[in-house]
Protein backbone atom coordinates (compact mmCIF):
# COMPACT_ATOMS: atom_id res chain seq x y z
CA MET A 1 -4.33 0.89 -15.43
CA GLY A 2 -6.85 1.72 -12.42
CA PRO A 3 -5.85 1.36 -8.68
CA LYS A 4 -2.87 -0.85 -9.41
CA GLY A 5 -2.00 1.56 -12.22
CA GLY A 6 -1.93 4.45 -9.12
CA ILE A 7 0.15 2.15 -6.81
CA TYR A 8 2.73 2.15 -9.61
CA ALA A 9 3.14 5.05 -10.48
CA ALA A 10 3.43 6.31 -6.25
CA LEU A 11 6.18 3.39 -6.47
CA ASN A 12 7.86 4.75 -9.27
CA VAL A 13 8.14 8.16 -8.35
CA SER A 14 8.66 7.83 -4.41
CA LYS A 15 11.91 7.73 -3.25
CA HIS A 16 10.78 5.82 0.08
CA ASP A 17 8.17 2.41 0.68
CA ILE A 18 4.57 4.10 0.24
CA VAL A 19 1.30 3.29 2.30
CA VAL A 20 -1.52 3.44 0.11
CA VAL A 21 -5.22 4.51 1.62
CA SER A 22 -7.72 5.01 -0.91
CA CYS A 23 -9.93 8.26 -0.57
CA ASP A 24 -12.83 6.26 0.22
CA MET A 25 -11.87 4.76 3.58
CA PRO A 26 -13.47 7.51 5.81
CA PHE A 27 -12.15 4.88 9.39
CA VAL A 28 -8.46 4.53 8.43
CA ASN A 29 -6.75 6.70 10.54
CA THR A 30 -2.99 7.95 11.71
CA PHE A 31 -2.89 4.54 14.11
CA VAL A 32 -3.81 2.25 11.29
CA VAL A 33 -1.03 3.42 8.41
CA GLU A 34 1.76 3.95 11.61
CA LYS A 35 0.95 0.26 12.26
CA ILE A 36 1.29 -0.53 8.31
CA ALA A 37 4.20 1.54 8.03
CA LYS A 38 5.79 -0.21 11.24
CA GLN A 39 5.13 -3.49 9.74
CA MET A 40 6.68 -3.34 6.45
CA TYR A 41 10.45 -3.54 7.55
CA ASP A 42 11.61 -6.21 5.22
CA ARG A 43 8.70 -6.99 3.62
CA SER A 44 5.26 -5.12 1.87
CA ILE A 45 1.94 -5.65 3.61
CA VAL A 46 -1.47 -5.83 2.83
CA SER A 47 -4.56 -5.44 4.50
CA VAL A 48 -7.26 -7.95 4.96
CA CYS A 49 -10.74 -7.44 6.48
CA ASN A 50 -13.28 -10.01 6.67
CA GLU A 51 -10.86 -11.97 4.82
CA LYS A 52 -11.18 -9.76 2.25
CA ILE A 53 -7.67 -7.88 0.32
CA LYS A 54 -7.76 -4.58 0.48
CA PRO A 55 -4.69 -3.54 -1.48
CA LEU A 56 -5.79 0.32 -0.90
CA CYS A 57 -4.80 -0.04 2.49
CA SER A 58 -1.78 -1.17 2.75
CA GLY A 59 2.19 -0.74 2.45
CA TYR A 60 4.32 -1.50 -0.53
CA LYS A 61 7.66 -1.39 -0.50
CA LYS A 62 9.94 -0.71 -4.00
CA GLU A 63 11.56 -3.95 -4.47
CA ILE A 64 8.10 -4.96 -5.89
CA LEU A 65 7.42 -1.95 -8.63
CA LYS A 66 8.29 -4.70 -11.30
CA GLU A 67 5.65 -7.10 -10.11
CA VAL A 68 3.15 -4.14 -9.58
CA TYR A 69 3.84 -3.44 -13.37
CA ALA A 70 3.41 -7.04 -14.58
């Protein structure tokens, strides 16, 4: 299932919401991760850079588990 499968697996086993950061994103730092996490109080946050969606630098709420599986 690729990256989507990884997000699903992480959400499925986690007790909490998650922030996902790909291993090939060397310029992502704690500031970026904390900013994503702080904005997740009532919804998932998907990053956008240069008008491109970055699902592997985003925050996901546990409530979307069924949508990720679909």
